[in-house]
Amino acid sequence: MKEIILNVDGMMCSGCENRVQNALKTIKGVKEVKASHEEKKVQIILKQDVDEQIFKDKIADLGYEVIE
């Protein structure tokens, strides 16, 4: 299994975390997603390889910023 960790700015509460988690879980190949507004991080566990850019685009679509 592969793990991706993204630094995400703009999440302010557990509601924001849930929005990100629910959106990313819909992407094929995702096993688990954990978002933390306090740590400003999103951890994604994959069942199969998925292009990281897909996650970055989805997070941006939600109105949050992925920090490189």
PDB file of N, CA and C in Angstrom:
ATOM      1  N   MET A   1       0.840  -1.193   0.000  1.00  0.00           N
ATOM      2  CA  MET A   1       0.000   0.000   0.000  1.00  0.00           C
ATOM      3  C   MET A   1       0.877   1.246   0.000  1.00  0.00           C
ATOM      4  N   LYS A   2       0.393   2.252  -0.634  1.00  0.00           N
ATOM      5  CA  LYS A   2       1.118   3.513  -0.750  1.00  0.00           C
ATOM      6  C   LYS A   2       0.423   4.571   0.093  1.00  0.00           C
ATOM      7  N   GLU A   3       1.212   5.496   0.607  1.00  0.00           N
ATOM      8  CA  GLU A   3       0.667   6.585   1.417  1.00  0.00           C
ATOM      9  C   GLU A   3       1.096   7.916   0.800  1.00  0.00           C
ATOM     10  N   ILE A   4       0.143   8.827   0.741  1.00  0.00           N
ATOM     11  CA  ILE A   4       0.435  10.189   0.284  1.00  0.00           C
ATOM     12  C   ILE A   4       0.064  11.130   1.429  1.00  0.00           C
ATOM     13  N   ILE A   5       0.950  12.061   1.740  1.00  0.00           N
ATOM     14  CA  ILE A   5       0.641  13.087   2.743  1.00  0.00           C
ATOM     15  C   ILE A   5       0.745  14.452   2.063  1.00  0.00           C
ATOM     16  N   LEU A   6      -0.348  15.208   2.142  1.00  0.00           N
ATOM     17  CA  LEU A   6      -0.393  16.540   1.546  1.00  0.00           C
ATOM     18  C   LEU A   6      -0.568  17.582   2.641  1.00  0.00           C
ATOM     19  N   ASN A   7       0.139  18.697   2.507  1.00  0.00           N
ATOM     20  CA  ASN A   7      -0.059  19.839   3.390  1.00  0.00           C
ATOM     21  C   ASN A   7      -1.156  20.696   2.782  1.00  0.00           C
ATOM     22  N   VAL A   8      -2.207  20.938   3.576  1.00  0.00           N
ATOM     23  CA  VAL A   8      -3.383  21.630   3.061  1.00  0.00           C
ATOM     24  C   VAL A   8      -3.705  22.829   3.949  1.00  0.00           C
ATOM     25  N   ASP A   9      -3.842  23.994   3.340  1.00  0.00           N
ATOM     26  CA  ASP A   9      -4.188  25.208   4.069  1.00  0.00           C
ATOM     27  C   ASP A   9      -5.654  25.545   3.817  1.00  0.00           C
ATOM     28  N   GLY A  10      -6.317  26.082   4.827  1.00  0.00           N
ATOM     29  CA  GLY A  10      -7.688  26.542   4.652  1.00  0.00           C
ATOM     30  C   GLY A  10      -8.713  25.734   5.430  1.00  0.00           C
ATOM     31  N   MET A  11      -8.340  24.538   5.904  1.00  0.00           N
ATOM     32  CA  MET A  11      -9.272  23.760   6.728  1.00  0.00           C
ATOM     33  C   MET A  11      -9.315  24.396   8.120  1.00  0.00           C
ATOM     34  N   MET A  12     -10.525  24.689   8.603  1.00  0.00           N
ATOM     35  CA  MET A  12     -10.659  25.408   9.868  1.00  0.00           C
ATOM     36  C   MET A  12     -11.295  24.587  10.994  1.00  0.00           C
ATOM     37  N   CYS A  13     -11.971  23.479  10.643  1.00  0.00           N
ATOM     38  CA  CYS A  13     -12.724  22.739  11.664  1.00  0.00           C
ATOM     39  C   CYS A  13     -12.917  21.293  11.220  1.00  0.00           C
ATOM     40  N   SER A  14     -13.571  20.524  12.061  1.00  0.00           N
ATOM     41  CA  SER A  14     -13.824  19.122  11.722  1.00  0.00           C
ATOM     42  C   SER A  14     -14.763  18.999  10.521  1.00  0.00           C
ATOM     43  N   GLY A  15     -15.611  19.988  10.310  1.00  0.00           N
ATOM     44  CA  GLY A  15     -16.476  19.993   9.126  1.00  0.00           C
ATOM     45  C   GLY A  15     -15.651  20.058   7.853  1.00  0.00           C
ATOM     46  N   CYS A  16     -14.606  20.869   7.875  1.00  0.00           N
ATOM     47  CA  CYS A  16     -13.692  20.958   6.727  1.00  0.00           C
ATOM     48  C   CYS A  16     -12.993  19.614   6.512  1.00  0.00           C
ATOM     49  N   GLU A  17     -12.553  19.008   7.599  1.00  0.00           N
ATOM     50  CA  GLU A  17     -11.899  17.699   7.512  1.00  0.00           C
ATOM     51  C   GLU A  17     -12.831  16.687   6.856  1.00  0.00           C
ATOM     52  N   ASN A  18     -14.080  16.668   7.289  1.00  0.00           N
ATOM     53  CA  ASN A  18     -15.058  15.719   6.742  1.00  0.00           C
ATOM     54  C   ASN A  18     -15.310  15.953   5.259  1.00  0.00           C
ATOM     55  N   ARG A  19     -15.377  17.227   4.857  1.00  0.00           N
ATOM     56  CA  ARG A  19     -15.569  17.549   3.438  1.00  0.00           C
ATOM     57  C   ARG A  19     -14.451  16.979   2.588  1.00  0.00           C
ATOM     58  N   VAL A  20     -13.210  17.176   3.052  1.00  0.00           N
ATOM     59  CA  VAL A  20     -12.043  16.692   2.316  1.00  0.00           C
ATOM     60  C   VAL A  20     -12.032  15.164   2.299  1.00  0.00           C
ATOM     61  N   GLN A  21     -12.242  14.562   3.456  1.00  0.00           N
ATOM     62  CA  GLN A  21     -12.218  13.102   3.554  1.00  0.00           C
ATOM     63  C   GLN A  21     -13.271  12.471   2.651  1.00  0.00           C
ATOM     64  N   ASN A  22     -14.492  12.976   2.704  1.00  0.00           N
ATOM     65  CA  ASN A  22     -15.578  12.416   1.897  1.00  0.00           C
ATOM     66  C   ASN A  22     -15.313  12.571   0.402  1.00  0.00           C
ATOM     67  N   ALA A  23     -14.764  13.708   0.002  1.00  0.00           N
ATOM     68  CA  ALA A  23     -14.479  13.942  -1.424  1.00  0.00           C
ATOM     69  C   ALA A  23     -13.379  13.014  -1.924  1.00  0.00           C
ATOM     70  N   LEU A  24     -12.325  12.850  -1.132  1.00  0.00           N
ATOM     71  CA  LEU A  24     -11.198  12.040  -1.582  1.00  0.00           C
ATOM     72  C   LEU A  24     -11.513  10.552  -1.555  1.00  0.00           C
ATOM     73  N   LYS A  25     -12.398  10.141  -0.660  1.00  0.00           N
ATOM     74  CA  LYS A  25     -12.769   8.721  -0.584  1.00  0.00           C
ATOM     75  C   LYS A  25     -13.516   8.257  -1.829  1.00  0.00           C
ATOM     76  N   THR A  26     -14.067   9.195  -2.609  1.00  0.00           N
ATOM     77  CA  THR A  26     -14.797   8.818  -3.823  1.00  0.00           C
ATOM     78  C   THR A  26     -13.853   8.471  -4.978  1.00  0.00           C
ATOM     79  N   ILE A  27     -12.569   8.767  -4.824  1.00  0.00           N
ATOM     80  CA  ILE A  27     -11.595   8.510  -5.892  1.00  0.00           C
ATOM     81  C   ILE A  27     -11.218   7.029  -5.884  1.00  0.00           C
ATOM     82  N   LYS A  28     -11.286   6.412  -7.058  1.00  0.00           N
ATOM     83  CA  LYS A  28     -10.987   4.979  -7.185  1.00  0.00           C
ATOM     84  C   LYS A  28      -9.550   4.695  -6.756  1.00  0.00           C
ATOM     85  N   GLY A  29      -9.389   3.666  -5.917  1.00  0.00           N
ATOM     86  CA  GLY A  29      -8.058   3.270  -5.463  1.00  0.00           C
ATOM     87  C   GLY A  29      -7.734   3.737  -4.060  1.00  0.00           C
ATOM     88  N   VAL A  30      -8.603   4.576  -3.472  1.00  0.00           N
ATOM     89  CA  VAL A  30      -8.367   5.097  -2.126  1.00  0.00           C
ATOM     90  C   VAL A  30      -8.913   4.116  -1.092  1.00  0.00           C
ATOM     91  N   LYS A  31      -8.073   3.788  -0.117  1.00  0.00           N
ATOM     92  CA  LYS A  31      -8.505   2.902   0.964  1.00  0.00           C
ATOM     93  C   LYS A  31      -8.988   3.714   2.163  1.00  0.00           C
ATOM     94  N   GLU A  32      -8.215   4.744   2.527  1.00  0.00           N
ATOM     95  CA  GLU A  32      -8.523   5.506   3.740  1.00  0.00           C
ATOM     96  C   GLU A  32      -8.006   6.937   3.601  1.00  0.00           C
ATOM     97  N   VAL A  33      -8.716   7.876   4.224  1.00  0.00           N
ATOM     98  CA  VAL A  33      -8.297   9.280   4.221  1.00  0.00           C
ATOM     99  C   VAL A  33      -8.442   9.829   5.639  1.00  0.00           C
ATOM    100  N   LYS A  34      -7.395  10.517   6.107  1.00  0.00           N
ATOM    101  CA  LYS A  34      -7.453  11.199   7.399  1.00  0.00           C
ATOM    102  C   LYS A  34      -7.022  12.643   7.177  1.00  0.00           C
ATOM    103  N   ALA A  35      -7.895  13.567   7.535  1.00  0.00           N
ATOM    104  CA  ALA A  35      -7.572  14.989   7.402  1.00  0.00           C
ATOM    105  C   ALA A  35      -7.506  15.606   8.794  1.00  0.00           C
ATOM    106  N   SER A  36      -6.556  16.520   8.995  1.00  0.00           N
ATOM    107  CA  SER A  36      -6.423  17.225  10.270  1.00  0.00           C
ATOM    108  C   SER A  36      -6.266  18.716  10.010  1.00  0.00           C
ATOM    109  N   HIS A  37      -7.258  19.494  10.474  1.00  0.00           N
ATOM    110  CA  HIS A  37      -7.139  20.948  10.291  1.00  0.00           C
ATOM    111  C   HIS A  37      -6.084  21.524  11.232  1.00  0.00           C
ATOM    112  N   GLU A  38      -5.839  20.867  12.367  1.00  0.00           N
ATOM    113  CA  GLU A  38      -4.841  21.366  13.316  1.00  0.00           C
ATOM    114  C   GLU A  38      -3.423  21.194  12.775  1.00  0.00           C
ATOM    115  N   GLU A  39      -3.174  20.042  12.154  1.00  0.00           N
ATOM    116  CA  GLU A  39      -1.842  19.776  11.588  1.00  0.00           C
ATOM    117  C   GLU A  39      -1.720  20.289  10.153  1.00  0.00           C
ATOM    118  N   LYS A  40      -2.862  20.693   9.571  1.00  0.00           N
ATOM    119  CA  LYS A  40      -2.901  21.145   8.176  1.00  0.00           C
ATOM    120  C   LYS A  40      -2.378  20.064   7.234  1.00  0.00           C
ATOM    121  N   LYS A  41      -2.799  18.805   7.500  1.00  0.00           N
ATOM    122  CA  LYS A  41      -2.334  17.684   6.695  1.00  0.00           C
ATOM    123  C   LYS A  41      -3.491  16.780   6.301  1.00  0.00           C
ATOM    124  N   VAL A  42      -3.331  16.137   5.147  1.00  0.00           N
ATOM    125  CA  VAL A  42      -4.257  15.102   4.694  1.00  0.00           C
ATOM    126  C   VAL A  42      -3.417  13.872   4.377  1.00  0.00           C
ATOM    127  N   GLN A  43      -3.762  12.764   5.019  1.00  0.00           N
ATOM    128  CA  GLN A  43      -3.078  11.495   4.794  1.00  0.00           C
ATOM    129  C   GLN A  43      -4.002  10.604   3.968  1.00  0.00           C
ATOM    130  N   ILE A  44      -3.476  10.074   2.880  1.00  0.00           N
ATOM    131  CA  ILE A  44      -4.261   9.231   1.978  1.00  0.00           C
ATOM    132  C   ILE A  44      -3.566   7.883   1.860  1.00  0.00           C
ATOM    133  N   ILE A  45      -4.290   6.810   2.178  1.00  0.00           N
ATOM    134  CA  ILE A  45      -3.783   5.449   2.031  1.00  0.00           C
ATOM    135  C   ILE A  45      -4.425   4.857   0.770  1.00  0.00           C
ATOM    136  N   LEU A  46      -3.585   4.339  -0.111  1.00  0.00           N
ATOM    137  CA  LEU A  46      -4.061   3.839  -1.402  1.00  0.00           C
ATOM    138  C   LEU A  46      -4.029   2.314  -1.473  1.00  0.00           C
ATOM    139  N   LYS A  47      -5.006   1.758  -2.167  1.00  0.00           N
ATOM    140  CA  LYS A  47      -5.034   0.323  -2.483  1.00  0.00           C
ATOM    141  C   LYS A  47      -4.258   0.057  -3.768  1.00  0.00           C
ATOM    142  N   GLN A  48      -4.201   1.065  -4.626  1.00  0.00           N
ATOM    143  CA  GLN A  48      -3.497   0.967  -5.907  1.00  0.00           C
ATOM    144  C   GLN A  48      -2.950   2.338  -6.254  1.00  0.00           C
ATOM    145  N   ASP A  49      -2.042   2.375  -7.210  1.00  0.00           N
ATOM    146  CA  ASP A  49      -1.433   3.653  -7.586  1.00  0.00           C
ATOM    147  C   ASP A  49      -2.476   4.603  -8.171  1.00  0.00           C
ATOM    148  N   VAL A  50      -2.436   5.837  -7.685  1.00  0.00           N
ATOM    149  CA  VAL A  50      -3.296   6.907  -8.185  1.00  0.00           C
ATOM    150  C   VAL A  50      -2.407   8.139  -8.349  1.00  0.00           C
ATOM    151  N   ASP A  51      -2.601   8.878  -9.423  1.00  0.00           N
ATOM    152  CA  ASP A  51      -1.818  10.097  -9.662  1.00  0.00           C
ATOM    153  C   ASP A  51      -2.116  11.116  -8.559  1.00  0.00           C
ATOM    154  N   GLU A  52      -1.075  11.568  -7.900  1.00  0.00           N
ATOM    155  CA  GLU A  52      -1.212  12.512  -6.780  1.00  0.00           C
ATOM    156  C   GLU A  52      -1.920  13.799  -7.196  1.00  0.00           C
ATOM    157  N   GLN A  53      -1.770  14.188  -8.455  1.00  0.00           N
ATOM    158  CA  GLN A  53      -2.385  15.431  -8.937  1.00  0.00           C
ATOM    159  C   GLN A  53      -3.907  15.385  -8.829  1.00  0.00           C
ATOM    160  N   ILE A  54      -4.491  14.191  -8.948  1.00  0.00           N
ATOM    161  CA  ILE A  54      -5.943  14.052  -8.828  1.00  0.00           C
ATOM    162  C   ILE A  54      -6.404  14.538  -7.456  1.00  0.00           C
ATOM    163  N   PHE A  55      -5.656  14.189  -6.410  1.00  0.00           N
ATOM    164  CA  PHE A  55      -6.005  14.608  -5.055  1.00  0.00           C
ATOM    165  C   PHE A  55      -5.841  16.115  -4.887  1.00  0.00           C
ATOM    166  N   LYS A  56      -4.758  16.634  -5.441  1.00  0.00           N
ATOM    167  CA  LYS A  56      -4.507  18.079  -5.347  1.00  0.00           C
ATOM    168  C   LYS A  56      -5.621  18.874  -6.029  1.00  0.00           C
ATOM    169  N   ASP A  57      -6.042  18.404  -7.207  1.00  0.00           N
ATOM    170  CA  ASP A  57      -7.112  19.087  -7.941  1.00  0.00           C
ATOM    171  C   ASP A  57      -8.434  19.028  -7.177  1.00  0.00           C
ATOM    172  N   LYS A  58      -8.748  17.880  -6.599  1.00  0.00           N
ATOM    173  CA  LYS A  58     -10.004  17.707  -5.861  1.00  0.00           C
ATOM    174  C   LYS A  58     -10.025  18.624  -4.626  1.00  0.00           C
ATOM    175  N   ILE A  59      -8.907  18.700  -3.933  1.00  0.00           N
ATOM    176  CA  ILE A  59      -8.806  19.572  -2.745  1.00  0.00           C
ATOM    177  C   ILE A  59      -8.964  21.036  -3.162  1.00  0.00           C
ATOM    178  N   ALA A  60      -8.328  21.415  -4.257  1.00  0.00           N
ATOM    179  CA  ALA A  60      -8.449  22.792  -4.763  1.00  0.00           C
ATOM    180  C   ALA A  60      -9.894  23.099  -5.154  1.00  0.00           C
ATOM    181  N   ASP A  61     -10.573  22.123  -5.752  1.00  0.00           N
ATOM    182  CA  ASP A  61     -11.980  22.305  -6.137  1.00  0.00           C
ATOM    183  C   ASP A  61     -12.856  22.577  -4.916  1.00  0.00           C
ATOM    184  N   LEU A  62     -12.467  22.039  -3.764  1.00  0.00           N
ATOM    185  CA  LEU A  62     -13.217  22.245  -2.531  1.00  0.00           C
ATOM    186  C   LEU A  62     -12.945  23.627  -1.905  1.00  0.00           C
ATOM    187  N   GLY A  63     -11.919  24.320  -2.433  1.00  0.00           N
ATOM    188  CA  GLY A  63     -11.613  25.651  -1.936  1.00  0.00           C
ATOM    189  C   GLY A  63     -10.448  25.710  -0.967  1.00  0.00           C
ATOM    190  N   TYR A  64      -9.689  24.613  -0.882  1.00  0.00           N
ATOM    191  CA  TYR A  64      -8.528  24.577  -0.002  1.00  0.00           C
ATOM    192  C   TYR A  64      -7.265  24.609  -0.845  1.00  0.00           C
ATOM    193  N   GLU A  65      -6.149  24.950  -0.223  1.00  0.00           N
ATOM    194  CA  GLU A  65      -4.898  25.100  -0.961  1.00  0.00           C
ATOM    195  C   GLU A  65      -3.905  24.026  -0.538  1.00  0.00           C
ATOM    196  N   VAL A  66      -3.390  23.288  -1.516  1.00  0.00           N
ATOM    197  CA  VAL A  66      -2.320  22.322  -1.246  1.00  0.00           C
ATOM    198  C   VAL A  66      -1.002  23.073  -1.286  1.00  0.00           C
ATOM    199  N   ILE A  67      -0.236  22.976  -0.207  1.00  0.00           N
ATOM    200  CA  ILE A  67       1.034  23.688  -0.094  1.00  0.00           C
ATOM    201  C   ILE A  67       2.155  22.720  -0.442  1.00  0.00           C
ATOM    202  N   GLU A  68       2.966  23.108  -1.409  1.00  0.00           N
ATOM    203  CA  GLU A  68       4.081  22.238  -1.838  1.00  0.00           C
ATOM    204  C   GLU A  68       5.233  22.326  -0.864  1.00  0.00           C
TER     205      GLU A  68
END
